[in-house]
C-alpha atoms as a PDB file:
ATOM      1  CA  MET A   1      21.760   0.036  23.683  1.00  0.00           C
ATOM      2  CA  ASN A   2      22.366   1.061  20.254  1.00  0.00           C
ATOM      3  CA  ARG A   3      21.373   4.604  19.602  1.00  0.00           C
ATOM      4  CA  ASN A   4      22.366   4.807  15.979  1.00  0.00           C
ATOM      5  CA  PHE A   5      20.391   1.972  14.281  1.00  0.00           C
ATOM      6  CA  GLU A   6      18.089   2.334  11.496  1.00  0.00           C
ATOM      7  CA  ALA A   7      15.665  -0.479  10.435  1.00  0.00           C
ATOM      8  CA  LYS A   8      15.434  -2.662   8.550  1.00  0.00           C
ATOM      9  CA  PRO A   9      14.684 -30.684  29.773  1.00  0.00           C
ATOM     10  CA  PHE A  10      18.282 -30.815  28.291  1.00  0.00           C
ATOM     11  CA  ARG A  11      19.725 -34.118  27.026  1.00  0.00           C
ATOM     12  CA  THR A  12      22.171 -33.714  24.327  1.00  0.00           C
ATOM     13  CA  LEU A  13      24.248 -30.857  22.906  1.00  0.00           C
ATOM     14  CA  PHE A  14      26.231 -30.271  19.778  1.00  0.00           C
ATOM     15  CA  VAL A  15      29.465 -28.764  20.626  1.00  0.00           C
ATOM     16  CA  TRP A  16      32.539 -28.178  18.326  1.00  0.00           C
ATOM     17  CA  LEU A  17      34.551 -25.212  19.592  1.00  0.00           C
ATOM     18  CA  PRO A  18      36.777 -25.401  22.774  1.00  0.00           C
ATOM     19  CA  MET A  19      36.660 -22.254  24.823  1.00  0.00           C
ATOM     20  CA  VAL A  20      38.411 -21.125  27.993  1.00  0.00           C
ATOM     21  CA  LEU A  21      35.994 -19.406  30.283  1.00  0.00           C
ATOM     22  CA  HIS A  22      36.384 -16.943  33.181  1.00  0.00           C
ATOM     23  CA  PRO A  23      33.785 -15.126  35.181  1.00  0.00           C
ATOM     24  CA  LEU A  24      32.412 -12.012  33.258  1.00  0.00           C
ATOM     25  CA  SER A  25      32.735  -8.701  34.993  1.00  0.00           C
ATOM     26  CA  VAL A  26      29.727  -6.717  33.803  1.00  0.00           C
ATOM     27  CA  ALA A  27      31.069  -3.463  35.282  1.00  0.00           C
ATOM     28  CA  ALA A  28      33.386  -1.424  33.037  1.00  0.00           C
ATOM     29  CA  SER A  29      36.672  -0.870  34.558  1.00  0.00           C
ATOM     30  CA  LYS A  30      39.739   1.315  33.601  1.00  0.00           C
ATOM     31  CA  VAL A  31      41.797  -0.963  31.213  1.00  0.00           C
ATOM     32  CA  SER A  32      45.596  -0.988  31.654  1.00  0.00           C
ATOM     33  CA  ALA A  33      48.129  -1.328  28.897  1.00  0.00           C
ATOM     34  CA  SER A  34      48.723  -4.985  29.798  1.00  0.00           C
ATOM     35  CA  GLU A  35      44.910  -5.650  29.684  1.00  0.00           C
ATOM     36  CA  LEU A  36      44.480  -3.832  26.252  1.00  0.00           C
ATOM     37  CA  GLU A  37      47.380  -6.146  24.990  1.00  0.00           C
ATOM     38  CA  ASP A  38      45.538  -9.188  26.268  1.00  0.00           C
ATOM     39  CA  ALA A  39      42.513  -7.996  24.323  1.00  0.00           C
ATOM     40  CA  THR A  40      44.442  -7.250  21.196  1.00  0.00           C
ATOM     41  CA  THR A  41      46.929 -10.033  20.927  1.00  0.00           C
ATOM     42  CA  ARG A  42      45.725 -13.238  19.008  1.00  0.00           C
ATOM     43  CA  ALA A  43      46.165 -16.551  20.805  1.00  0.00           C
ATOM     44  CA  SER A  44      48.565 -18.875  19.209  1.00  0.00           C
ATOM     45  CA  GLY A  45      47.702 -22.335  17.922  1.00  0.00           C
ATOM     46  CA  ALA A  46      45.915 -24.011  14.989  1.00  0.00           C
ATOM     47  CA  VAL A  47      43.494 -22.125  12.947  1.00  0.00           C
ATOM     48  CA  ILE A  48      39.776 -22.859  14.101  1.00  0.00           C
ATOM     49  CA  GLU A  49      37.736 -24.268  11.192  1.00  0.00           C
ATOM     50  CA  VAL A  50      34.054 -23.607  11.599  1.00  0.00           C
ATOM     51  CA  PRO A  51      31.203 -25.442   9.961  1.00  0.00           C
ATOM     52  CA  ARG A  52      28.565 -23.286   7.935  1.00  0.00           C
ATOM     53  CA  ALA A  53      25.981 -23.925  10.644  1.00  0.00           C
ATOM     54  CA  GLU A  54      22.931 -21.433  10.454  1.00  0.00           C
ATOM     55  CA  ALA A  55      20.753 -21.316  13.489  1.00  0.00           C
ATOM     56  CA  GLN A  56      17.425 -19.464  13.125  1.00  0.00           C
ATOM     57  CA  ASP A  57      16.950 -18.730  16.932  1.00  0.00           C
ATOM     58  CA  VAL A  58      18.788 -18.405  20.197  1.00  0.00           C
ATOM     59  CA  PRO A  59      18.923 -22.141  21.260  1.00  0.00           C
ATOM     60  CA  ARG A  60      16.301 -23.106  23.699  1.00  0.00           C
ATOM     61  CA  VAL A  61      18.806 -25.106  25.732  1.00  0.00           C
ATOM     62  CA  LEU A  62      20.416 -21.953  26.945  1.00  0.00           C
ATOM     63  CA  GLN A  63      17.387 -21.502  29.216  1.00  0.00           C
ATOM     64  CA  GLU A  64      17.828 -24.962  31.001  1.00  0.00           C
ATOM     65  CA  GLU A  65      18.872 -24.856  34.407  1.00  0.00           C
ATOM     66  CA  LYS A  66      20.773 -28.061  34.313  1.00  0.00           C
ATOM     67  CA  MET A  67      23.263 -26.571  31.755  1.00  0.00           C
ATOM     68  CA  THR A  68      26.556 -25.154  33.365  1.00  0.00           C
ATOM     69  CA  GLU A  69      27.428 -21.364  32.672  1.00  0.00           C
ATOM     70  CA  GLU A  70      30.479 -22.675  30.623  1.00  0.00           C
ATOM     71  CA  ASP A  71      28.296 -25.079  28.514  1.00  0.00           C
ATOM     72  CA  LYS A  72      25.857 -22.095  27.838  1.00  0.00           C
ATOM     73  CA  HIS A  73      28.644 -19.753  26.850  1.00  0.00           C
ATOM     74  CA  GLN A  74      30.034 -22.521  24.635  1.00  0.00           C
ATOM     75  CA  VAL A  75      26.657 -22.988  22.858  1.00  0.00           C
ATOM     76  CA  PHE A  76      26.301 -19.088  22.406  1.00  0.00           C
ATOM     77  CA  VAL A  77      29.713 -18.862  20.552  1.00  0.00           C
ATOM     78  CA  ASN A  78      29.008 -21.979  18.571  1.00  0.00           C
ATOM     79  CA  THR A  79      25.704 -20.387  17.323  1.00  0.00           C
ATOM     80  CA  LEU A  80      26.893 -16.888  16.598  1.00  0.00           C
ATOM     81  CA  LEU A  81      30.413 -17.495  15.216  1.00  0.00           C
ATOM     82  CA  PRO A  82      29.362 -19.061  11.921  1.00  0.00           C
ATOM     83  CA  LEU A  83      26.804 -16.264  11.205  1.00  0.00           C
ATOM     84  CA  VAL A  84      29.402 -13.644  11.660  1.00  0.00           C
ATOM     85  CA  LEU A  85      31.868 -15.551   9.509  1.00  0.00           C
ATOM     86  CA  MET A  86      29.277 -16.155   6.739  1.00  0.00           C
ATOM     87  CA  GLU A  87      28.270 -12.355   6.852  1.00  0.00           C
ATOM     88  CA  ASN A  88      31.858 -11.191   6.645  1.00  0.00           C
ATOM     89  CA  GLU A  89      32.469 -13.583   3.660  1.00  0.00           C
ATOM     90  CA  GLN A  90      29.611 -11.794   1.917  1.00  0.00           C
ATOM     91  CA  VAL A  91      31.022  -8.221   2.699  1.00  0.00           C
ATOM     92  CA  ALA A  92      34.704  -9.404   1.684  1.00  0.00           C
ATOM     93  CA  GLY A  93      33.240 -10.626  -1.553  1.00  0.00           C
ATOM     94  CA  LYS A  94      31.673  -7.261  -2.210  1.00  0.00           C
ATOM     95  CA  ARG A  95      34.815  -5.610  -1.308  1.00  0.00           C
ATOM     96  CA  LYS A  96      36.869  -7.763  -3.633  1.00  0.00           C
ATOM     97  CA  ARG A  97      34.662  -7.022  -6.621  1.00  0.00           C
ATOM     98  CA  MET A  98      34.609  -3.332  -5.814  1.00  0.00           C
ATOM     99  CA  LEU A  99      38.303  -3.133  -5.790  1.00  0.00           C
ATOM    100  CA  GLN A 100      38.439  -4.913  -9.058  1.00  0.00           C
ATOM    101  CA  HIS A 101      36.087  -2.275 -10.563  1.00  0.00           C
ATOM    102  CA  PHE A 102      38.212   0.651  -8.942  1.00  0.00           C
ATOM    103  CA  ALA A 103      41.420  -0.818 -10.406  1.00  0.00           C
ATOM    104  CA  SER A 104      39.748  -0.991 -13.796  1.00  0.00           C
ATOM    105  CA  LEU A 105      38.503   2.709 -13.593  1.00  0.00           C
ATOM    106  CA  ALA A 106      42.008   3.637 -12.351  1.00  0.00           C
ATOM    107  CA  ARG A 107      43.453   2.261 -15.641  1.00  0.00           C
ATOM    108  CA  GLY A 108      40.847   4.084 -17.664  1.00  0.00           C
ATOM    109  CA  GLU A 109      38.915   1.042 -18.595  1.00  0.00           C
ATOM    110  CA  ALA A 110      35.100   1.387 -19.177  1.00  0.00           C
ATOM    111  CA  LEU A 111      32.996  -0.989 -16.982  1.00  0.00           C
ATOM    112  CA  GLY A 112      29.889  -2.794 -18.546  1.00  0.00           C
ATOM    113  CA  ALA A 113      26.442  -1.711 -17.793  1.00  0.00           C
ATOM    114  CA  ASP A 114      25.840  -4.524 -15.143  1.00  0.00           C
ATOM    115  CA  ASP A 115      29.084  -3.629 -13.329  1.00  0.00           C
ATOM    116  CA  ARG A 116      28.281   0.096 -13.447  1.00  0.00           C
ATOM    117  CA  GLU A 117      24.890  -0.381 -11.943  1.00  0.00           C
ATOM    118  CA  TRP A 118      26.196  -2.804  -9.334  1.00  0.00           C
ATOM    119  CA  LEU A 119      28.842  -0.145  -8.049  1.00  0.00           C
ATOM    120  CA  ARG A 120      26.243   2.540  -7.848  1.00  0.00           C
ATOM    121  CA  THR A 121      23.850   0.391  -6.137  1.00  0.00           C
ATOM    122  CA  LEU A 122      26.600  -0.674  -3.640  1.00  0.00           C
ATOM    123  CA  ALA A 123      27.413   3.155  -3.168  1.00  0.00           C
ATOM    124  CA  ALA A 124      23.753   3.853  -2.299  1.00  0.00           C
ATOM    125  CA  ASP A 125      23.536   0.782   0.061  1.00  0.00           C
ATOM    126  CA  TYR A 126      26.446   2.163   2.157  1.00  0.00           C
ATOM    127  CA  ARG A 127      25.016   5.696   2.063  1.00  0.00           C
ATOM    128  CA  VAL A 128      27.614   7.117  -0.169  1.00  0.00           C
ATOM    129  CA  ASP A 129      25.826   9.950  -2.178  1.00  0.00           C
ATOM    130  CA  ARG A 130      28.311  10.744  -4.855  1.00  0.00           C
ATOM    131  CA  ASP A 131      28.940   8.621  -8.025  1.00  0.00           C
ATOM    132  CA  PRO A 132      31.767   6.273  -7.617  1.00  0.00           C
ATOM    133  CA  LEU A 133      32.104   5.983 -11.462  1.00  0.00           C
ATOM    134  CA  VAL A 134      33.381   9.625 -11.710  1.00  0.00           C
ATOM    135  CA  ASP A 135      34.076  10.677  -8.139  1.00  0.00           C
ATOM    136  CA  ALA A 136      37.223   9.797  -6.547  1.00  0.00           C
ATOM    137  CA  GLN A 137      35.954  10.749  -3.133  1.00  0.00           C
ATOM    138  CA  ALA A 138      33.138   8.382  -3.436  1.00  0.00           C
ATOM    139  CA  ARG A 139      35.556   5.668  -3.827  1.00  0.00           C
ATOM    140  CA  ARG A 140      37.579   6.572  -0.916  1.00  0.00           C
ATOM    141  CA  ASP A 141      34.384   6.677   1.186  1.00  0.00           C
ATOM    142  CA  MET A 142      33.297   3.153  -0.100  1.00  0.00           C
ATOM    143  CA  LEU A 143      36.689   1.787   0.642  1.00  0.00           C
ATOM    144  CA  LEU A 144      36.329   3.036   4.389  1.00  0.00           C
ATOM    145  CA  ARG A 145      32.879   1.372   4.659  1.00  0.00           C
ATOM    146  CA  VAL A 146      32.718  -1.747   2.627  1.00  0.00           C
ATOM    147  CA  ASP A 147      34.786  -4.123   4.832  1.00  0.00           C
ATOM    148  CA  VAL A 148      34.509  -6.802   7.389  1.00  0.00           C
ATOM    149  CA  VAL A 149      33.754  -6.457  11.174  1.00  0.00           C
ATOM    150  CA  PRO A 150      36.293  -8.227  13.521  1.00  0.00           C
ATOM    151  CA  VAL A 151      34.786 -11.546  14.776  1.00  0.00           C
ATOM    152  CA  ASP A 152      35.862 -10.947  18.410  1.00  0.00           C
ATOM    153  CA  LEU A 153      34.268  -7.481  18.315  1.00  0.00           C
ATOM    154  CA  ALA A 154      30.875  -8.890  17.130  1.00  0.00           C
ATOM    155  CA  LEU A 155      31.008 -11.611  19.665  1.00  0.00           C
ATOM    156  CA  ALA A 156      31.798  -9.293  22.673  1.00  0.00           C
ATOM    157  CA  GLN A 157      28.935  -6.895  21.640  1.00  0.00           C
ATOM    158  CA  ALA A 158      26.528  -9.814  21.453  1.00  0.00           C
ATOM    159  CA  VAL A 159      27.744 -11.045  24.912  1.00  0.00           C
ATOM    160  CA  THR A 160      27.307  -7.644  26.472  1.00  0.00           C
ATOM    161  CA  GLU A 161      23.990  -6.695  24.915  1.00  0.00           C
ATOM    162  CA  THR A 162      22.278 -10.275  25.479  1.00  0.00           C
ATOM    163  CA  GLY A 163      23.903 -11.575  28.448  1.00  0.00           C
ATOM    164  CA  TRP A 164      25.014 -14.869  26.522  1.00  0.00           C
ATOM    165  CA  GLY A 165      21.751 -15.058  24.662  1.00  0.00           C
ATOM    166  CA  ALA A 166      19.761 -14.819  27.833  1.00  0.00           C
ATOM    167  CA  SER A 167      17.919 -11.437  27.268  1.00  0.00           C
ATOM    168  CA  HIS A 168      14.242 -11.334  26.351  1.00  0.00           C
ATOM    169  CA  SER A 169      14.899  -9.690  23.068  1.00  0.00           C
ATOM    170  CA  ALA A 170      17.467 -12.076  22.038  1.00  0.00           C
ATOM    171  CA  ARG A 171      15.130 -15.015  22.691  1.00  0.00           C
ATOM    172  CA  THR A 172      11.987 -13.425  21.288  1.00  0.00           C
ATOM    173  CA  ASP A 173      13.080 -10.866  18.593  1.00  0.00           C
ATOM    174  CA  ARG A 174      16.446 -12.377  17.577  1.00  0.00           C
ATOM    175  CA  ASP A 175      17.957  -9.097  18.483  1.00  0.00           C
ATOM    176  CA  LEU A 176      21.688  -9.867  19.433  1.00  0.00           C
ATOM    177  CA  PHE A 177      23.137  -6.333  19.422  1.00  0.00           C
ATOM    178  CA  GLY A 178      20.690  -4.120  21.472  1.00  0.00           C
ATOM    179  CA  MET A 179      19.332  -2.368  18.296  1.00  0.00           C
ATOM    180  CA  THR A 180      16.469   0.232  18.418  1.00  0.00           C
ATOM    181  CA  ALA A 181      14.691   1.582  15.361  1.00  0.00           C
ATOM    182  CA  ILE A 182      12.520   4.719  14.437  1.00  0.00           C
ATOM    183  CA  ARG A 183      10.188   2.487  12.774  1.00  0.00           C
ATOM    184  CA  ALA A 184       9.350  -0.899  14.168  1.00  0.00           C
ATOM    185  CA  HIS A 185       6.795  -3.597  14.836  1.00  0.00           C
ATOM    186  CA  ARG A 186       6.347  -2.782  18.551  1.00  0.00           C
ATOM    187  CA  THR A 187       7.417  -0.630  21.480  1.00  0.00           C
ATOM    188  CA  VAL A 188       8.861  -2.000  24.531  1.00  0.00           C
ATOM    189  CA  ARG A 189       9.876  -0.765  28.006  1.00  0.00           C
ATOM    190  CA  THR A 190      13.527  -1.103  29.041  1.00  0.00           C
ATOM    191  CA  ALA A 191      14.769  -1.922  32.438  1.00  0.00           C
ATOM    192  CA  ALA A 192      15.306   1.765  32.979  1.00  0.00           C
ATOM    193  CA  GLY A 193      11.804   2.433  32.168  1.00  0.00           C
ATOM    194  CA  ARG A 194      12.265   4.013  28.819  1.00  0.00           C
ATOM    195  CA  LEU A 195       9.992   3.092  25.846  1.00  0.00           C
ATOM    196  CA  VAL A 196      11.815   2.154  22.699  1.00  0.00           C
ATOM    197  CA  HIS A 197      11.020   0.588  19.384  1.00  0.00           C
ATOM    198  CA  ALA A 198      12.546  -2.723  19.007  1.00  0.00           C
ATOM    199  CA  PRO A 199      12.958  -4.612  15.732  1.00  0.00           C
ATOM    200  CA  LYS A 200      12.078  -8.268  15.228  1.00  0.00           C
ATOM    201  CA  PHE A 201      14.347 -10.065  12.895  1.00  0.00           C
ATOM    202  CA  ALA A 202      13.417 -12.957  10.727  1.00  0.00           C
ATOM    203  CA  SER A 203      16.575 -14.926  11.756  1.00  0.00           C
ATOM    204  CA  LEU A 204      19.626 -14.604  13.579  1.00  0.00           C
ATOM    205  CA  ARG A 205      21.501 -14.233  10.407  1.00  0.00           C
ATOM    206  CA  GLU A 206      19.449 -11.306   9.515  1.00  0.00           C
ATOM    207  CA  ALA A 207      20.182  -9.700  12.853  1.00  0.00           C
ATOM    208  CA  VAL A 208      23.925 -10.336  12.276  1.00  0.00           C
ATOM    209  CA  ARG A 209      23.477  -8.813   8.606  1.00  0.00           C
ATOM    210  CA  VAL A 210      21.870  -5.619   9.798  1.00  0.00           C
ATOM    211  CA  TYR A 211      24.442  -5.213  12.782  1.00  0.00           C
ATOM    212  CA  VAL A 212      27.429  -5.419  10.193  1.00  0.00           C
ATOM    213  CA  HIS A 213      25.717  -3.215   7.730  1.00  0.00           C
ATOM    214  CA  ASN A 214      24.842  -0.682  10.454  1.00  0.00           C
ATOM    215  CA  LEU A 215      28.543  -0.573  11.648  1.00  0.00           C
ATOM    216  CA  ASN A 216      29.643   0.022   8.172  1.00  0.00           C
ATOM    217  CA  SER A 217      27.135   2.497   6.892  1.00  0.00           C
ATOM    218  CA  HIS A 218      26.102   4.919   9.815  1.00  0.00           C
ATOM    219  CA  GLU A 219      28.102   8.039   9.945  1.00  0.00           C
ATOM    220  CA  ALA A 220      28.374   7.529  13.887  1.00  0.00           C
ATOM    221  CA  TYR A 221      30.966   4.921  13.325  1.00  0.00           C
ATOM    222  CA  GLN A 222      33.319   6.844  10.959  1.00  0.00           C
ATOM    223  CA  SER A 223      36.119   6.555  13.657  1.00  0.00           C
ATOM    224  CA  LEU A 224      35.929   2.765  13.533  1.00  0.00           C
ATOM    225  CA  TRP A 225      36.192   2.882   9.776  1.00  0.00           C
ATOM    226  CA  LYS A 226      39.330   5.171  10.135  1.00  0.00           C
ATOM    227  CA  ILE A 227      40.806   2.731  12.652  1.00  0.00           C
ATOM    228  CA  ARG A 228      40.165  -0.209  10.286  1.00  0.00           C
ATOM    229  CA  THR A 229      41.637   1.569   7.310  1.00  0.00           C
ATOM    230  CA  GLN A 230      44.840   2.468   9.355  1.00  0.00           C
ATOM    231  CA  LEU A 231      45.167  -1.013  10.372  1.00  0.00           C
ATOM    232  CA  ARG A 232      44.876  -2.449   6.866  1.00  0.00           C
ATOM    233  CA  ALA A 233      47.424   0.410   5.617  1.00  0.00           C
ATOM    234  CA  GLU A 234      49.786  -0.971   8.468  1.00  0.00           C
ATOM    235  CA  GLN A 235      49.164  -4.594   7.472  1.00  0.00           C
ATOM    236  CA  LYS A 236      47.992  -5.324  10.857  1.00  0.00           C
ATOM    237  CA  PRO A 237      45.141  -7.799  11.733  1.00  0.00           C
ATOM    238  CA  LEU A 238      41.430  -6.287  12.275  1.00  0.00           C
ATOM    239  CA  GLN A 239      41.029  -7.105  15.860  1.00  0.00           C
ATOM    240  CA  GLY A 240      38.143  -5.908  18.118  1.00  0.00           C
ATOM    241  CA  GLY A 241      40.436  -4.917  20.994  1.00  0.00           C
ATOM    242  CA  VAL A 242      41.860  -2.100  18.776  1.00  0.00           C
ATOM    243  CA  MET A 243      38.580  -1.189  16.817  1.00  0.00           C
ATOM    244  CA  ALA A 244      36.387  -0.968  19.911  1.00  0.00           C
ATOM    245  CA  ASP A 245      37.489   2.652  20.215  1.00  0.00           C
ATOM    246  CA  GLY A 246      35.189   3.254  17.222  1.00  0.00           C
ATOM    247  CA  LEU A 247      32.165   2.253  19.278  1.00  0.00           C
ATOM    248  CA  VAL A 248      31.929   5.115  21.629  1.00  0.00           C
ATOM    249  CA  LYS A 249      28.683   6.405  20.029  1.00  0.00           C
ATOM    250  CA  TYR A 250      27.092   2.828  19.950  1.00  0.00           C
ATOM    251  CA  SER A 251      25.913   3.182  23.531  1.00  0.00           C
ATOM    252  CA  THR A 252      24.973   6.183  25.603  1.00  0.00           C
ATOM    253  CA  ARG A 253      27.608   4.870  28.178  1.00  0.00           C
ATOM    254  CA  GLY A 254      30.392   5.960  25.741  1.00  0.00           C
ATOM    255  CA  THR A 255      33.862   5.098  26.723  1.00  0.00           C
ATOM    256  CA  GLY A 256      32.397   2.899  29.524  1.00  0.00           C
ATOM    257  CA  TYR A 257      30.918   0.782  26.896  1.00  0.00           C
ATOM    258  CA  VAL A 258      34.149   0.511  25.047  1.00  0.00           C
ATOM    259  CA  LYS A 259      35.984  -0.648  28.119  1.00  0.00           C
ATOM    260  CA  GLN A 260      33.316  -3.379  28.934  1.00  0.00           C
ATOM    261  CA  ILE A 261      33.890  -4.645  25.319  1.00  0.00           C
ATOM    262  CA  ARG A 262      37.486  -4.853  25.738  1.00  0.00           C
ATOM    263  CA  THR A 263      37.005  -6.589  29.155  1.00  0.00           C
ATOM    264  CA  VAL A 264      34.720  -9.165  27.501  1.00  0.00           C
ATOM    265  CA  ILE A 265      37.262  -9.942  24.833  1.00  0.00           C
ATOM    266  CA  ARG A 266      40.180 -10.181  27.326  1.00  0.00           C
ATOM    267  CA  GLN A 267      38.234 -12.338  30.003  1.00  0.00           C
ATOM    268  CA  PHE A 268      36.842 -14.809  27.551  1.00  0.00           C
ATOM    269  CA  HIS A 269      39.700 -14.903  25.063  1.00  0.00           C
ATOM    270  CA  LEU A 270      37.525 -14.009  22.120  1.00  0.00           C
ATOM    271  CA  ASN A 271      40.614 -12.950  20.133  1.00  0.00           C
ATOM    272  CA  ARG A 272      41.286 -16.599  19.594  1.00  0.00           C
ATOM    273  CA  TYR A 273      38.510 -16.346  16.857  1.00  0.00           C
ATOM    274  CA  VAL A 274      40.099 -13.617  14.835  1.00  0.00           C
ATOM    275  CA  ASP A 275      41.647 -16.091  12.302  1.00  0.00           C
ATOM    276  CA  ALA A 276      38.701 -18.524  12.388  1.00  0.00           C
ATOM    277  CA  ARG A 277      37.624 -19.651   8.913  1.00  0.00           C
ATOM    278  CA  LEU A 278      34.452 -21.369   7.500  1.00  0.00           C
ATOM    279  CA  LEU A 279      34.824 -24.880   6.128  1.00  0.00           C
ATOM    280  CA  PRO A 280      34.168 -25.121   2.343  1.00  0.00           C
ATOM    281  CA  GLU A 281      30.642 -24.751   1.061  1.00  0.00           C
ATOM    282  CA  ARG A 282      28.814 -28.145   0.798  1.00  0.00           C
ATOM    283  CA  GLY A 283      25.923 -27.042  -1.368  1.00  0.00           C
ATOM    284  CA  SER A 284      23.799 -25.709   1.446  1.00  0.00           C
ATOM    285  CA  SER A 285      24.252 -24.587   5.031  1.00  0.00           C
ATOM    286  CA  ASP A 286      24.051 -27.056   7.773  1.00  0.00           C
ATOM    287  CA  VAL A 287      21.546 -26.286  10.536  1.00  0.00           C
ATOM    288  CA  LEU A 288      22.488 -26.357  13.964  1.00  0.00           C
ATOM    289  CA  ALA A 289      20.533 -29.178  15.839  1.00  0.00           C
ATOM    290  CA  TYR A 290      19.847 -29.273  19.558  1.00  0.00           C
ATOM    291  CA  ALA A 291      17.961 -32.327  20.939  1.00  0.00           C
ATOM    292  CA  ASN A 292      14.906 -31.483  23.088  1.00  0.00           C
END
């Protein structure tokens, strides 16, 4: 469970992504060099194009006994992948605008009032205290933080934290990433008997947004930012199998948690979605529809 979060009968099924499935080992194991390679090497083939489908809740069909485990896994990926891609699209847009402003400042150009305010607000949102308009270190800090989260990493964490969407918190609170908060709407007891505060999200998209922002703004994940920055400097793809090392502080299990995330990525071939891309905007998001 995340210790570094601050709040904020089956008939038909819509399926659009093929997926090779293997049994999930919930026990963390020592990852060999070959297994790490499997978790960090993208599968070859056509780029997956993903519709902008935005489900509000974990699909009820995941609770149907008539569904096979393979179908349940398929539905879960179909539900979550568009949300992660849409949130990454928003973050990438902010990063692009930020880089444009940084380039202008480097050339000695003055930014307009709206752009200055936007840049300062962005810095505050990502917990950068200094003024990026005048402080080069602030700009370097923002470059570390304002960036996308690998799709395979997000999928693997959601699978691990919810058991493919089967957990009570996923179904009732839309909590996909095992988050806890200091201030929340209620207190729940974990399987280990501990009382924790659990956030209730307005939608699955909000849960993904908070998760991505949490990884990008909380000091506990500085190592993740540095790994991501190094990958960019080396012009390598951002992959969950590599960046998982930055999640040591995400769970009290530490390196055991990191190993399990890599295991999930490898066994379910989640790295095939690293290059997935959203289909063009059509005016408004589609809504995933599952027949009752």
